[in-house]
């Protein structure tokens, strides 16, 4: 229940923010049945080429100590003696 109220509150804040910044414009006209017209702002997304300073990574070989693990197989088990049937 609290989650729904928080989400509704956040949605209301977003709408108020959009109205305050002019991204959404709502006009209501009176009369018998009010009509509402909405004009929205535009957002353009693109790319441009610019020269910037970026970090570089240098690769070099060096000797480091690494942990090792050796695994040895268990010795072969001797075959079990065949049981002699009781008489």
N, C-alpha and C. Protein backbone atom coordinates (compact mmCIF):
# COMPACT_ATOMS: atom_id res chain seq x y z
N UNK A 1 0.83 -1.19 0.00
CA UNK A 1 0.00 0.00 0.00
C UNK A 1 0.87 1.25 0.00
N UNK A 2 1.92 1.23 0.84
CA UNK A 2 2.80 2.39 0.89
C UNK A 2 3.51 2.59 -0.43
N UNK A 3 3.88 1.48 -1.08
CA UNK A 3 4.57 1.58 -2.36
C UNK A 3 3.70 2.28 -3.39
N UNK A 4 2.43 1.95 -3.42
CA UNK A 4 1.51 2.58 -4.38
C UNK A 4 1.41 4.07 -4.09
N UNK A 5 1.31 4.45 -2.82
CA UNK A 5 1.22 5.86 -2.47
C UNK A 5 2.50 6.60 -2.84
N UNK A 6 3.64 5.96 -2.63
CA UNK A 6 4.91 6.59 -2.99
C UNK A 6 4.99 6.78 -4.50
N UNK A 7 4.59 5.76 -5.26
CA UNK A 7 4.62 5.88 -6.72
C UNK A 7 3.67 6.96 -7.22
N UNK A 8 2.49 7.05 -6.64
CA UNK A 8 1.55 8.11 -7.03
C UNK A 8 2.12 9.49 -6.69
N UNK A 9 2.76 9.61 -5.54
CA UNK A 9 3.38 10.88 -5.16
C UNK A 9 4.50 11.26 -6.11
N UNK A 10 5.33 10.29 -6.50
CA UNK A 10 6.41 10.57 -7.45
C UNK A 10 5.86 10.97 -8.81
N UNK A 11 4.79 10.31 -9.25
CA UNK A 11 4.18 10.66 -10.54
C UNK A 11 3.63 12.08 -10.49
N UNK A 12 3.02 12.45 -9.38
CA UNK A 12 2.49 13.81 -9.25
C UNK A 12 3.62 14.83 -9.28
N UNK A 13 4.75 14.52 -8.62
CA UNK A 13 5.89 15.43 -8.64
C UNK A 13 6.46 15.57 -10.04
N UNK A 14 6.49 14.49 -10.81
CA UNK A 14 6.99 14.56 -12.18
C UNK A 14 6.08 15.44 -13.03
N UNK A 15 4.77 15.29 -12.89
CA UNK A 15 3.83 16.11 -13.66
C UNK A 15 3.98 17.58 -13.28
N UNK A 16 4.09 17.88 -12.00
CA UNK A 16 4.27 19.27 -11.56
C UNK A 16 5.58 19.82 -12.10
N UNK A 17 6.63 19.01 -12.08
CA UNK A 17 7.91 19.46 -12.61
C UNK A 17 7.85 19.73 -14.10
N UNK A 18 7.16 18.88 -14.84
CA UNK A 18 7.02 19.10 -16.28
C UNK A 18 6.20 20.35 -16.58
N UNK A 19 5.17 20.58 -15.80
CA UNK A 19 4.37 21.79 -15.98
C UNK A 19 5.19 23.03 -15.63
N UNK A 20 6.00 22.96 -14.58
CA UNK A 20 6.78 24.11 -14.14
C UNK A 20 7.88 24.46 -15.14
N UNK A 21 8.46 23.47 -15.79
CA UNK A 21 9.53 23.75 -16.75
C UNK A 21 9.01 24.06 -18.14
N UNK A 22 7.72 23.93 -18.35
CA UNK A 22 7.15 24.25 -19.65
C UNK A 22 7.22 23.11 -20.64
N UNK A 23 7.57 21.92 -20.19
CA UNK A 23 7.61 20.78 -21.10
C UNK A 23 6.20 20.32 -21.46
N UNK A 24 5.24 20.59 -20.59
CA UNK A 24 3.84 20.27 -20.86
C UNK A 24 3.03 21.54 -20.62
N UNK A 25 2.17 21.84 -21.56
CA UNK A 25 1.29 23.00 -21.42
C UNK A 25 -0.15 22.52 -21.55
N UNK A 26 -0.95 22.72 -20.52
CA UNK A 26 -2.35 22.30 -20.54
C UNK A 26 -3.25 23.52 -20.52
N UNK A 27 -4.18 23.55 -21.44
CA UNK A 27 -5.17 24.63 -21.48
C UNK A 27 -6.55 24.00 -21.47
N UNK A 28 -7.39 24.42 -20.52
CA UNK A 28 -8.76 23.91 -20.44
C UNK A 28 -9.71 25.04 -20.80
N UNK A 29 -10.64 24.77 -21.68
CA UNK A 29 -11.60 25.78 -22.11
C UNK A 29 -12.97 25.40 -21.54
N UNK A 30 -13.65 26.38 -20.92
CA UNK A 30 -14.94 26.12 -20.29
C UNK A 30 -16.06 26.01 -21.31
N UNK A 31 -17.23 25.74 -20.83
CA UNK A 31 -18.40 25.55 -21.69
C UNK A 31 -19.19 24.41 -21.13
N UNK A 32 -20.04 23.89 -21.96
CA UNK A 32 -20.82 22.76 -21.48
C UNK A 32 -19.92 21.57 -21.15
N UNK A 33 -19.10 21.16 -22.08
CA UNK A 33 -18.14 20.08 -21.84
C UNK A 33 -16.75 20.65 -22.09
N UNK A 34 -15.93 20.74 -21.05
CA UNK A 34 -14.61 21.33 -21.27
C UNK A 34 -13.74 20.43 -22.16
N UNK A 35 -12.99 21.08 -23.02
CA UNK A 35 -12.04 20.36 -23.86
C UNK A 35 -10.63 20.73 -23.38
N UNK A 36 -9.76 19.83 -23.53
CA UNK A 36 -8.39 20.04 -23.07
C UNK A 36 -7.46 19.83 -24.26
N UNK A 37 -6.56 20.79 -24.46
CA UNK A 37 -5.53 20.59 -25.48
C UNK A 37 -4.18 20.60 -24.77
N UNK A 38 -3.30 19.75 -25.21
CA UNK A 38 -1.98 19.66 -24.59
C UNK A 38 -0.90 19.81 -25.65
N UNK A 39 0.09 20.63 -25.35
CA UNK A 39 1.25 20.76 -26.21
C UNK A 39 2.46 20.33 -25.40
N UNK A 40 3.26 19.49 -26.00
CA UNK A 40 4.43 18.97 -25.29
C UNK A 40 5.70 19.54 -25.90
N UNK A 41 6.74 19.60 -25.11
CA UNK A 41 8.04 20.04 -25.59
C UNK A 41 8.70 18.94 -26.41
N UNK A 42 9.83 19.27 -27.03
CA UNK A 42 10.54 18.31 -27.86
C UNK A 42 11.93 18.08 -27.28
N UNK A 43 12.38 16.86 -27.39
CA UNK A 43 13.72 16.50 -26.95
C UNK A 43 14.44 15.90 -28.14
N UNK A 44 15.60 16.46 -28.48
CA UNK A 44 16.38 15.95 -29.60
C UNK A 44 17.60 15.20 -29.07
N UNK A 45 17.85 14.05 -29.66
CA UNK A 45 19.00 13.24 -29.28
C UNK A 45 19.86 13.05 -30.51
N UNK A 46 21.15 13.28 -30.37
CA UNK A 46 22.04 13.12 -31.51
C UNK A 46 23.46 12.89 -31.03
N UNK A 47 24.40 13.02 -31.94
CA UNK A 47 25.80 12.86 -31.58
C UNK A 47 26.62 13.88 -32.36
N UNK A 48 27.77 14.22 -31.80
CA UNK A 48 28.68 15.14 -32.47
C UNK A 48 30.10 14.70 -32.17
N UNK A 49 31.01 15.00 -33.08
CA UNK A 49 32.41 14.64 -32.90
C UNK A 49 33.14 15.78 -32.23
N UNK A 50 33.83 15.46 -31.15
CA UNK A 50 34.62 16.46 -30.42
C UNK A 50 35.93 15.82 -30.00
N UNK A 51 36.95 16.61 -29.88
CA UNK A 51 38.23 16.12 -29.40
C UNK A 51 38.29 16.30 -27.90
N UNK A 52 38.54 15.18 -27.20
CA UNK A 52 38.59 15.21 -25.74
C UNK A 52 39.81 14.46 -25.27
N UNK A 53 40.24 14.74 -24.07
CA UNK A 53 41.33 14.01 -23.45
C UNK A 53 40.73 12.81 -22.72
N UNK A 54 41.19 11.61 -23.08
CA UNK A 54 40.69 10.40 -22.46
C UNK A 54 41.87 9.61 -21.89
N UNK A 55 41.66 8.84 -20.83
CA UNK A 55 42.75 8.05 -20.27
C UNK A 55 43.09 6.88 -21.18
N UNK A 56 44.34 6.46 -21.16
CA UNK A 56 44.78 5.30 -21.93
C UNK A 56 45.30 4.24 -20.97
N UNK A 57 45.27 3.01 -21.41
CA UNK A 57 45.73 1.89 -20.61
C UNK A 57 46.97 1.33 -21.28
N UNK A 58 48.02 1.15 -20.50
CA UNK A 58 49.26 0.61 -21.03
C UNK A 58 49.37 -0.85 -20.60
N UNK A 59 49.66 -1.73 -21.56
CA UNK A 59 49.83 -3.15 -21.27
C UNK A 59 51.32 -3.46 -21.26
N UNK A 60 51.79 -4.18 -20.24
CA UNK A 60 53.19 -4.59 -20.19
C UNK A 60 53.27 -5.93 -19.48
N UNK A 61 54.33 -6.68 -19.78
CA UNK A 61 54.55 -7.99 -19.17
C UNK A 61 55.40 -7.82 -17.92
N UNK A 62 54.99 -8.46 -16.85
CA UNK A 62 55.76 -8.45 -15.62
C UNK A 62 55.57 -9.78 -14.92
N UNK A 63 56.48 -10.16 -14.07
CA UNK A 63 56.41 -11.44 -13.36
C UNK A 63 55.76 -11.22 -12.00
N UNK A 64 54.76 -12.03 -11.74
CA UNK A 64 54.05 -11.96 -10.45
C UNK A 64 53.95 -13.38 -9.89
N UNK A 65 53.76 -13.50 -8.60
CA UNK A 65 53.62 -14.80 -7.95
C UNK A 65 52.13 -15.15 -7.90
N UNK A 66 51.80 -16.29 -8.47
CA UNK A 66 50.41 -16.74 -8.50
C UNK A 66 50.28 -18.03 -7.70
N UNK A 67 49.15 -18.24 -7.05
CA UNK A 67 48.95 -19.50 -6.32
C UNK A 67 48.76 -20.65 -7.30
N UNK A 68 49.23 -21.82 -6.92
CA UNK A 68 49.06 -23.01 -7.76
C UNK A 68 48.38 -24.10 -6.96
N UNK A 69 47.74 -24.99 -7.66
CA UNK A 69 47.07 -26.14 -7.06
C UNK A 69 47.46 -27.37 -7.86
N UNK A 70 47.91 -28.41 -7.18
CA UNK A 70 48.23 -29.67 -7.84
C UNK A 70 47.23 -30.71 -7.40
N UNK A 71 46.73 -31.45 -8.35
CA UNK A 71 45.76 -32.52 -8.07
C UNK A 71 46.37 -33.83 -8.53
N UNK A 72 46.43 -34.82 -7.63
CA UNK A 72 46.95 -36.14 -7.98
C UNK A 72 45.83 -37.15 -7.83
N UNK A 73 45.77 -38.05 -8.80
CA UNK A 73 44.75 -39.08 -8.73
C UNK A 73 45.08 -40.05 -7.60
N UNK A 74 44.06 -40.64 -7.04
CA UNK A 74 44.25 -41.66 -6.00
C UNK A 74 44.88 -42.89 -6.63
N UNK A 75 45.71 -43.63 -5.88
CA UNK A 75 46.29 -44.84 -6.46
C UNK A 75 45.20 -45.85 -6.77
N UNK A 76 45.48 -46.66 -7.77
CA UNK A 76 44.50 -47.68 -8.16
C UNK A 76 44.28 -48.62 -6.99
N UNK A 77 43.06 -48.91 -6.72
CA UNK A 77 42.72 -49.82 -5.61
C UNK A 77 42.99 -51.26 -6.05
N UNK A 78 43.51 -52.06 -5.11
CA UNK A 78 43.73 -53.48 -5.39
C UNK A 78 42.36 -54.15 -5.53
N UNK A 79 42.25 -55.09 -6.46
CA UNK A 79 40.95 -55.75 -6.60
C UNK A 79 40.56 -56.47 -5.32
N UNK A 80 39.30 -56.38 -4.99
CA UNK A 80 38.79 -57.04 -3.78
C UNK A 80 38.83 -58.54 -3.99
N UNK A 81 39.20 -59.31 -2.96
CA UNK A 81 39.22 -60.77 -3.13
C UNK A 81 37.80 -61.30 -3.35
N UNK A 82 37.73 -62.32 -4.16
CA UNK A 82 36.43 -62.92 -4.46
C UNK A 82 35.98 -63.74 -3.27
N UNK A 83 34.78 -63.50 -2.78
CA UNK A 83 34.33 -64.28 -1.63
C UNK A 83 34.10 -65.75 -1.98
N UNK A 84 34.50 -66.60 -1.08
CA UNK A 84 34.33 -68.05 -1.28
C UNK A 84 32.97 -68.42 -0.72
N UNK A 85 32.15 -69.14 -1.50
CA UNK A 85 30.83 -69.52 -0.99
C UNK A 85 30.95 -70.47 0.21
N UNK A 86 30.08 -70.29 1.17
CA UNK A 86 30.08 -71.14 2.36
C UNK A 86 29.53 -72.50 2.00
N UNK A 87 30.13 -73.55 2.65
CA UNK A 87 29.67 -74.92 2.36
C UNK A 87 28.86 -75.46 3.46
